[in-house]
Amino acid sequence: MAEQASKHEPMPLEGMRAALLGVAENAIAASDGRLRIAFNEEDQTEEFREEAQRFIKLDGKRLGRDIELYGFMGADIMG
């Protein structure tokens, strides 16, 4: 029997990444349940995917890239 992988706990975010996560959380709160933050999941399902970080799902489907990646790009632009 294959051993099932388990999700890891996401690392706390700081700076630009934490601010972006706050924006995502506000959008989720106003979405009537259509948006949620996924972690360690496949794009179209809730199956485990170790390399996936936090991202937003709209009606169960991935919306955009990892929040950590957007935060990294924003921090790079802001200097």
PDB file of N, CA and C in Angstrom:
ATOM      1  N   MET A   1       0.850  -1.183   0.000  1.00  0.00           N
ATOM      2  CA  MET A   1       0.000   0.000   0.000  1.00  0.00           C
ATOM      3  C   MET A   1       0.889   1.238   0.000  1.00  0.00           C
ATOM      4  N   ALA A   2       0.622   2.168  -0.889  1.00  0.00           N
ATOM      5  CA  ALA A   2       1.436   3.376  -0.989  1.00  0.00           C
ATOM      6  C   ALA A   2       1.150   4.300   0.183  1.00  0.00           C
ATOM      7  N   GLU A   3       2.227   4.922   0.665  1.00  0.00           N
ATOM      8  CA  GLU A   3       2.075   5.873   1.760  1.00  0.00           C
ATOM      9  C   GLU A   3       1.564   7.190   1.197  1.00  0.00           C
ATOM     10  N   GLN A   4       0.507   7.735   1.788  1.00  0.00           N
ATOM     11  CA  GLN A   4      -0.071   8.972   1.294  1.00  0.00           C
ATOM     12  C   GLN A   4       0.738  10.163   1.805  1.00  0.00           C
ATOM     13  N   ALA A   5       1.039  11.108   0.914  1.00  0.00           N
ATOM     14  CA  ALA A   5       1.771  12.310   1.294  1.00  0.00           C
ATOM     15  C   ALA A   5       0.872  13.198   2.146  1.00  0.00           C
ATOM     16  N   SER A   6       1.484  13.970   3.018  1.00  0.00           N
ATOM     17  CA  SER A   6       0.711  14.880   3.849  1.00  0.00           C
ATOM     18  C   SER A   6       1.128  16.315   3.567  1.00  0.00           C
ATOM     19  N   LYS A   7       0.227  17.233   3.825  1.00  0.00           N
ATOM     20  CA  LYS A   7       0.516  18.637   3.598  1.00  0.00           C
ATOM     21  C   LYS A   7       1.482  19.148   4.654  1.00  0.00           C
ATOM     22  N   HIS A   8       2.291  20.092   4.249  1.00  0.00           N
ATOM     23  CA  HIS A   8       3.185  20.789   5.159  1.00  0.00           C
ATOM     24  C   HIS A   8       2.495  22.056   5.631  1.00  0.00           C
ATOM     25  N   GLU A   9       2.982  22.618   6.699  1.00  0.00           N
ATOM     26  CA  GLU A   9       2.456  23.895   7.159  1.00  0.00           C
ATOM     27  C   GLU A   9       3.155  25.011   6.383  1.00  0.00           C
ATOM     28  N   PRO A  10       2.412  25.997   5.899  1.00  0.00           N
ATOM     29  CA  PRO A  10       3.057  27.099   5.182  1.00  0.00           C
ATOM     30  C   PRO A  10       3.904  27.950   6.118  1.00  0.00           C
ATOM     31  N   MET A  11       5.000  28.466   5.593  1.00  0.00           N
ATOM     32  CA  MET A  11       5.864  29.359   6.364  1.00  0.00           C
ATOM     33  C   MET A  11       5.151  30.703   6.536  1.00  0.00           C
ATOM     34  N   PRO A  12       5.355  31.351   7.675  1.00  0.00           N
ATOM     35  CA  PRO A  12       4.780  32.692   7.839  1.00  0.00           C
ATOM     36  C   PRO A  12       5.392  33.639   6.800  1.00  0.00           C
ATOM     37  N   LEU A  13       4.598  34.583   6.342  1.00  0.00           N
ATOM     38  CA  LEU A  13       5.080  35.546   5.360  1.00  0.00           C
ATOM     39  C   LEU A  13       5.400  36.872   6.033  1.00  0.00           C
ATOM     40  N   GLU A  14       6.347  37.605   5.436  1.00  0.00           N
ATOM     41  CA  GLU A  14       6.745  38.909   5.966  1.00  0.00           C
ATOM     42  C   GLU A  14       6.751  39.930   4.844  1.00  0.00           C
ATOM     43  N   GLY A  15       6.723  41.194   5.197  1.00  0.00           N
ATOM     44  CA  GLY A  15       6.886  42.274   4.242  1.00  0.00           C
ATOM     45  C   GLY A  15       5.833  42.276   3.147  1.00  0.00           C
ATOM     46  N   MET A  16       6.311  42.427   1.902  1.00  0.00           N
ATOM     47  CA  MET A  16       5.436  42.513   0.730  1.00  0.00           C
ATOM     48  C   MET A  16       4.560  41.267   0.602  1.00  0.00           C
ATOM     49  N   ARG A  17       5.109  40.096   0.901  1.00  0.00           N
ATOM     50  CA  ARG A  17       4.346  38.851   0.782  1.00  0.00           C
ATOM     51  C   ARG A  17       3.207  38.814   1.796  1.00  0.00           C
ATOM     52  N   ALA A  18       3.465  39.279   3.016  1.00  0.00           N
ATOM     53  CA  ALA A  18       2.426  39.314   4.049  1.00  0.00           C
ATOM     54  C   ALA A  18       1.333  40.312   3.671  1.00  0.00           C
ATOM     55  N   ALA A  19       1.725  41.447   3.113  1.00  0.00           N
ATOM     56  CA  ALA A  19       0.741  42.439   2.681  1.00  0.00           C
ATOM     57  C   ALA A  19      -0.136  41.880   1.567  1.00  0.00           C
ATOM     58  N   LEU A  20       0.474  41.191   0.636  1.00  0.00           N
ATOM     59  CA  LEU A  20      -0.282  40.583  -0.462  1.00  0.00           C
ATOM     60  C   LEU A  20      -1.228  39.499   0.054  1.00  0.00           C
ATOM     61  N   LEU A  21      -0.778  38.716   1.016  1.00  0.00           N
ATOM     62  CA  LEU A  21      -1.645  37.706   1.620  1.00  0.00           C
ATOM     63  C   LEU A  21      -2.848  38.379   2.291  1.00  0.00           C
ATOM     64  N   GLY A  22      -2.627  39.521   2.930  1.00  0.00           N
ATOM     65  CA  GLY A  22      -3.728  40.271   3.539  1.00  0.00           C
ATOM     66  C   GLY A  22      -4.753  40.718   2.512  1.00  0.00           C
ATOM     67  N   VAL A  23      -4.298  41.172   1.350  1.00  0.00           N
ATOM     68  CA  VAL A  23      -5.203  41.561   0.271  1.00  0.00           C
ATOM     69  C   VAL A  23      -6.020  40.346  -0.176  1.00  0.00           C
ATOM     70  N   ALA A  24      -5.342  39.197  -0.335  1.00  0.00           N
ATOM     71  CA  ALA A  24      -6.030  37.969  -0.742  1.00  0.00           C
ATOM     72  C   ALA A  24      -7.078  37.574   0.301  1.00  0.00           C
ATOM     73  N   GLU A  25      -6.736  37.679   1.575  1.00  0.00           N
ATOM     74  CA  GLU A  25      -7.681  37.317   2.641  1.00  0.00           C
ATOM     75  C   GLU A  25      -8.903  38.234   2.626  1.00  0.00           C
ATOM     76  N   ASN A  26      -8.706  39.520   2.335  1.00  0.00           N
ATOM     77  CA  ASN A  26      -9.844  40.450   2.233  1.00  0.00           C
ATOM     78  C   ASN A  26     -10.742  40.082   1.058  1.00  0.00           C
ATOM     79  N   ALA A  27     -10.137  39.730  -0.077  1.00  0.00           N
ATOM     80  CA  ALA A  27     -10.922  39.311  -1.247  1.00  0.00           C
ATOM     81  C   ALA A  27     -11.722  38.048  -0.927  1.00  0.00           C
ATOM     82  N   ILE A  28     -11.102  37.121  -0.222  1.00  0.00           N
ATOM     83  CA  ILE A  28     -11.766  35.867   0.148  1.00  0.00           C
ATOM     84  C   ILE A  28     -12.960  36.147   1.065  1.00  0.00           C
ATOM     85  N   ALA A  29     -12.769  37.043   2.011  1.00  0.00           N
ATOM     86  CA  ALA A  29     -13.854  37.377   2.942  1.00  0.00           C
ATOM     87  C   ALA A  29     -15.066  37.967   2.216  1.00  0.00           C
ATOM     88  N   ALA A  30     -14.820  38.637   1.095  1.00  0.00           N
ATOM     89  CA  ALA A  30     -15.910  39.273   0.342  1.00  0.00           C
ATOM     90  C   ALA A  30     -16.422  38.416  -0.812  1.00  0.00           C
ATOM     91  N   SER A  31     -15.954  37.173  -0.928  1.00  0.00           N
ATOM     92  CA  SER A  31     -16.260  36.362  -2.116  1.00  0.00           C
ATOM     93  C   SER A  31     -17.444  35.415  -1.978  1.00  0.00           C
ATOM     94  N   ASP A  32     -18.136  35.448  -0.882  1.00  0.00           N
ATOM     95  CA  ASP A  32     -19.268  34.534  -0.659  1.00  0.00           C
ATOM     96  C   ASP A  32     -18.869  33.065  -0.833  1.00  0.00           C
ATOM     97  N   GLY A  33     -17.643  32.725  -0.437  1.00  0.00           N
ATOM     98  CA  GLY A  33     -17.195  31.336  -0.477  1.00  0.00           C
ATOM     99  C   GLY A  33     -16.643  30.863  -1.811  1.00  0.00           C
ATOM    100  N   ARG A  34     -16.594  31.722  -2.791  1.00  0.00           N
ATOM    101  CA  ARG A  34     -16.089  31.312  -4.115  1.00  0.00           C
ATOM    102  C   ARG A  34     -14.563  31.277  -4.160  1.00  0.00           C
ATOM    103  N   LEU A  35     -13.911  32.113  -3.360  1.00  0.00           N
ATOM    104  CA  LEU A  35     -12.454  32.143  -3.310  1.00  0.00           C
ATOM    105  C   LEU A  35     -11.956  31.482  -2.037  1.00  0.00           C
ATOM    106  N   ARG A  36     -10.777  30.874  -2.137  1.00  0.00           N
ATOM    107  CA  ARG A  36     -10.107  30.366  -0.933  1.00  0.00           C
ATOM    108  C   ARG A  36      -8.616  30.271  -1.234  1.00  0.00           C
ATOM    109  N   ILE A  37      -7.819  30.238  -0.178  1.00  0.00           N
ATOM    110  CA  ILE A  37      -6.383  30.050  -0.331  1.00  0.00           C
ATOM    111  C   ILE A  37      -6.091  28.564  -0.252  1.00  0.00           C
ATOM    112  N   ALA A  38      -5.424  28.056  -1.269  1.00  0.00           N
ATOM    113  CA  ALA A  38      -5.004  26.656  -1.310  1.00  0.00           C
ATOM    114  C   ALA A  38      -3.506  26.591  -0.975  1.00  0.00           C
ATOM    115  N   PHE A  39      -3.066  25.459  -0.474  1.00  0.00           N
ATOM    116  CA  PHE A  39      -1.647  25.243  -0.163  1.00  0.00           C
ATOM    117  C   PHE A  39      -1.332  23.775  -0.399  1.00  0.00           C
ATOM    118  N   ASN A  40      -0.234  23.517  -1.109  1.00  0.00           N
ATOM    119  CA  ASN A  40       0.172  22.141  -1.436  1.00  0.00           C
ATOM    120  C   ASN A  40      -0.925  21.376  -2.162  1.00  0.00           C
ATOM    121  N   GLU A  41      -1.605  22.015  -3.119  1.00  0.00           N
ATOM    122  CA  GLU A  41      -2.676  21.366  -3.869  1.00  0.00           C
ATOM    123  C   GLU A  41      -2.421  21.442  -5.372  1.00  0.00           C
ATOM    124  N   GLU A  42      -3.020  20.505  -6.090  1.00  0.00           N
ATOM    125  CA  GLU A  42      -3.046  20.548  -7.555  1.00  0.00           C
ATOM    126  C   GLU A  42      -3.878  21.759  -7.987  1.00  0.00           C
ATOM    127  N   ASP A  43      -3.689  22.187  -9.232  1.00  0.00           N
ATOM    128  CA  ASP A  43      -4.395  23.368  -9.740  1.00  0.00           C
ATOM    129  C   ASP A  43      -5.911  23.187  -9.809  1.00  0.00           C
ATOM    130  N   GLN A  44      -6.377  22.004 -10.215  1.00  0.00           N
ATOM    131  CA  GLN A  44      -7.799  21.787 -10.449  1.00  0.00           C
ATOM    132  C   GLN A  44      -8.470  20.890  -9.406  1.00  0.00           C
ATOM    133  N   THR A  45      -7.670  20.312  -8.490  1.00  0.00           N
ATOM    134  CA  THR A  45      -8.216  19.421  -7.461  1.00  0.00           C
ATOM    135  C   THR A  45      -7.591  19.767  -6.115  1.00  0.00           C
ATOM    136  N   GLU A  46      -7.978  19.034  -5.085  1.00  0.00           N
ATOM    137  CA  GLU A  46      -7.378  19.214  -3.772  1.00  0.00           C
ATOM    138  C   GLU A  46      -6.293  18.169  -3.501  1.00  0.00           C
ATOM    139  N   GLU A  47      -5.861  17.450  -4.535  1.00  0.00           N
ATOM    140  CA  GLU A  47      -4.802  16.451  -4.391  1.00  0.00           C
ATOM    141  C   GLU A  47      -3.500  17.123  -3.972  1.00  0.00           C
ATOM    142  N   PHE A  48      -2.719  16.416  -3.159  1.00  0.00           N
ATOM    143  CA  PHE A  48      -1.454  16.929  -2.629  1.00  0.00           C
ATOM    144  C   PHE A  48      -0.439  17.176  -3.743  1.00  0.00           C
ATOM    145  N   ARG A  49       0.224  18.317  -3.681  1.00  0.00           N
ATOM    146  CA  ARG A  49       1.330  18.661  -4.585  1.00  0.00           C
ATOM    147  C   ARG A  49       2.341  19.427  -3.748  1.00  0.00           C
ATOM    148  N   GLU A  50       3.413  18.760  -3.366  1.00  0.00           N
ATOM    149  CA  GLU A  50       4.364  19.308  -2.398  1.00  0.00           C
ATOM    150  C   GLU A  50       4.954  20.652  -2.812  1.00  0.00           C
ATOM    151  N   GLU A  51       5.280  20.829  -4.094  1.00  0.00           N
ATOM    152  CA  GLU A  51       5.956  22.049  -4.510  1.00  0.00           C
ATOM    153  C   GLU A  51       5.027  23.263  -4.634  1.00  0.00           C
ATOM    154  N   ALA A  52       3.731  23.063  -4.562  1.00  0.00           N
ATOM    155  CA  ALA A  52       2.794  24.189  -4.669  1.00  0.00           C
ATOM    156  C   ALA A  52       2.768  24.977  -3.365  1.00  0.00           C
ATOM    157  N   GLN A  53       2.883  26.270  -3.473  1.00  0.00           N
ATOM    158  CA  GLN A  53       2.795  27.144  -2.307  1.00  0.00           C
ATOM    159  C   GLN A  53       1.353  27.632  -2.176  1.00  0.00           C
ATOM    160  N   ARG A  54       1.163  28.798  -1.560  1.00  0.00           N
ATOM    161  CA  ARG A  54      -0.178  29.364  -1.421  1.00  0.00           C
ATOM    162  C   ARG A  54      -0.617  29.979  -2.739  1.00  0.00           C
ATOM    163  N   PHE A  55      -1.854  29.730  -3.105  1.00  0.00           N
ATOM    164  CA  PHE A  55      -2.450  30.396  -4.258  1.00  0.00           C
ATOM    165  C   PHE A  55      -3.950  30.448  -4.052  1.00  0.00           C
ATOM    166  N   ILE A  56      -4.604  31.262  -4.838  1.00  0.00           N
ATOM    167  CA  ILE A  56      -6.053  31.442  -4.703  1.00  0.00           C
ATOM    168  C   ILE A  56      -6.769  30.512  -5.673  1.00  0.00           C
ATOM    169  N   LYS A  57      -7.836  29.895  -5.193  1.00  0.00           N
ATOM    170  CA  LYS A  57      -8.714  29.109  -6.053  1.00  0.00           C
ATOM    171  C   LYS A  57     -10.069  29.796  -6.110  1.00  0.00           C
ATOM    172  N   LEU A  58     -10.583  29.901  -7.327  1.00  0.00           N
ATOM    173  CA  LEU A  58     -11.917  30.444  -7.581  1.00  0.00           C
ATOM    174  C   LEU A  58     -12.782  29.293  -8.037  1.00  0.00           C
ATOM    175  N   ASP A  59     -13.816  28.990  -7.270  1.00  0.00           N
ATOM    176  CA  ASP A  59     -14.704  27.865  -7.571  1.00  0.00           C
ATOM    177  C   ASP A  59     -13.912  26.574  -7.803  1.00  0.00           C
ATOM    178  N   GLY A  60     -12.875  26.353  -6.991  1.00  0.00           N
ATOM    179  CA  GLY A  60     -12.104  25.106  -7.028  1.00  0.00           C
ATOM    180  C   GLY A  60     -11.027  25.041  -8.087  1.00  0.00           C
ATOM    181  N   LYS A  61     -10.795  26.138  -8.826  1.00  0.00           N
ATOM    182  CA  LYS A  61      -9.762  26.139  -9.861  1.00  0.00           C
ATOM    183  C   LYS A  61      -8.749  27.243  -9.596  1.00  0.00           C
ATOM    184  N   ARG A  62      -7.498  26.926  -9.866  1.00  0.00           N
ATOM    185  CA  ARG A  62      -6.414  27.871  -9.612  1.00  0.00           C
ATOM    186  C   ARG A  62      -6.634  29.187 -10.337  1.00  0.00           C
ATOM    187  N   LEU A  63      -6.351  30.271  -9.621  1.00  0.00           N
ATOM    188  CA  LEU A  63      -6.454  31.619 -10.159  1.00  0.00           C
ATOM    189  C   LEU A  63      -5.090  32.271  -9.986  1.00  0.00           C
ATOM    190  N   GLY A  64      -4.301  32.357 -11.031  1.00  0.00           N
ATOM    191  CA  GLY A  64      -2.997  33.008 -10.954  1.00  0.00           C
ATOM    192  C   GLY A  64      -1.890  32.104 -10.447  1.00  0.00           C
ATOM    193  N   ARG A  65      -0.818  32.729  -9.991  1.00  0.00           N
ATOM    194  CA  ARG A  65       0.383  32.033  -9.514  1.00  0.00           C
ATOM    195  C   ARG A  65       0.426  32.026  -7.994  1.00  0.00           C
ATOM    196  N   ASP A  66       1.521  31.475  -7.452  1.00  0.00           N
ATOM    197  CA  ASP A  66       1.702  31.426  -6.005  1.00  0.00           C
ATOM    198  C   ASP A  66       1.793  32.841  -5.425  1.00  0.00           C
ATOM    199  N   ILE A  67       1.172  33.056  -4.283  1.00  0.00           N
ATOM    200  CA  ILE A  67       1.230  34.353  -3.611  1.00  0.00           C
ATOM    201  C   ILE A  67       2.679  34.715  -3.307  1.00  0.00           C
ATOM    202  N   GLU A  68       3.491  33.731  -2.916  1.00  0.00           N
ATOM    203  CA  GLU A  68       4.898  33.986  -2.624  1.00  0.00           C
ATOM    204  C   GLU A  68       5.628  34.530  -3.857  1.00  0.00           C
ATOM    205  N   LEU A  69       5.295  34.009  -5.038  1.00  0.00           N
ATOM    206  CA  LEU A  69       5.932  34.477  -6.271  1.00  0.00           C
ATOM    207  C   LEU A  69       5.530  35.921  -6.581  1.00  0.00           C
ATOM    208  N   TYR A  70       4.253  36.233  -6.447  1.00  0.00           N
ATOM    209  CA  TYR A  70       3.817  37.609  -6.668  1.00  0.00           C
ATOM    210  C   TYR A  70       4.499  38.564  -5.677  1.00  0.00           C
ATOM    211  N   GLY A  71       4.615  38.140  -4.429  1.00  0.00           N
ATOM    212  CA  GLY A  71       5.291  38.959  -3.430  1.00  0.00           C
ATOM    213  C   GLY A  71       6.751  39.173  -3.766  1.00  0.00           C
ATOM    214  N   PHE A  72       7.410  38.132  -4.263  1.00  0.00           N
ATOM    215  CA  PHE A  72       8.808  38.239  -4.658  1.00  0.00           C
ATOM    216  C   PHE A  72       8.954  39.218  -5.822  1.00  0.00           C
ATOM    217  N   MET A  73       8.079  39.109  -6.809  1.00  0.00           N
ATOM    218  CA  MET A  73       8.145  40.009  -7.971  1.00  0.00           C
ATOM    219  C   MET A  73       7.873  41.443  -7.548  1.00  0.00           C
ATOM    220  N   GLY A  74       6.905  41.645  -6.666  1.00  0.00           N
ATOM    221  CA  GLY A  74       6.584  42.990  -6.198  1.00  0.00           C
ATOM    222  C   GLY A  74       7.707  43.595  -5.387  1.00  0.00           C
ATOM    223  N   ALA A  75       8.347  42.792  -4.542  1.00  0.00           N
ATOM    224  CA  ALA A  75       9.465  43.282  -3.741  1.00  0.00           C
ATOM    225  C   ALA A  75      10.626  43.675  -4.637  1.00  0.00           C
ATOM    226  N   ASP A  76      10.847  42.919  -5.713  1.00  0.00           N
ATOM    227  CA  ASP A  76      11.925  43.204  -6.647  1.00  0.00           C
ATOM    228  C   ASP A  76      11.669  44.519  -7.379  1.00  0.00           C
ATOM    229  N   ILE A  77      10.423  44.769  -7.752  1.00  0.00           N
ATOM    230  CA  ILE A  77      10.063  45.999  -8.461  1.00  0.00           C
ATOM    231  C   ILE A  77      10.166  47.204  -7.533  1.00  0.00           C
ATOM    232  N   MET A  78       9.726  47.029  -6.287  1.00  0.00           N
ATOM    233  CA  MET A  78       9.713  48.134  -5.323  1.00  0.00           C
ATOM    234  C   MET A  78      11.121  48.463  -4.821  1.00  0.00           C
ATOM    235  N   GLY A  79      12.053  47.530  -5.007  1.00  0.00           N
ATOM    236  CA  GLY A  79      13.438  47.784  -4.593  1.00  0.00           C
ATOM    237  C   GLY A  79      13.615  47.472  -3.189  1.00  0.00           C
TER     238      GLY A  79
END
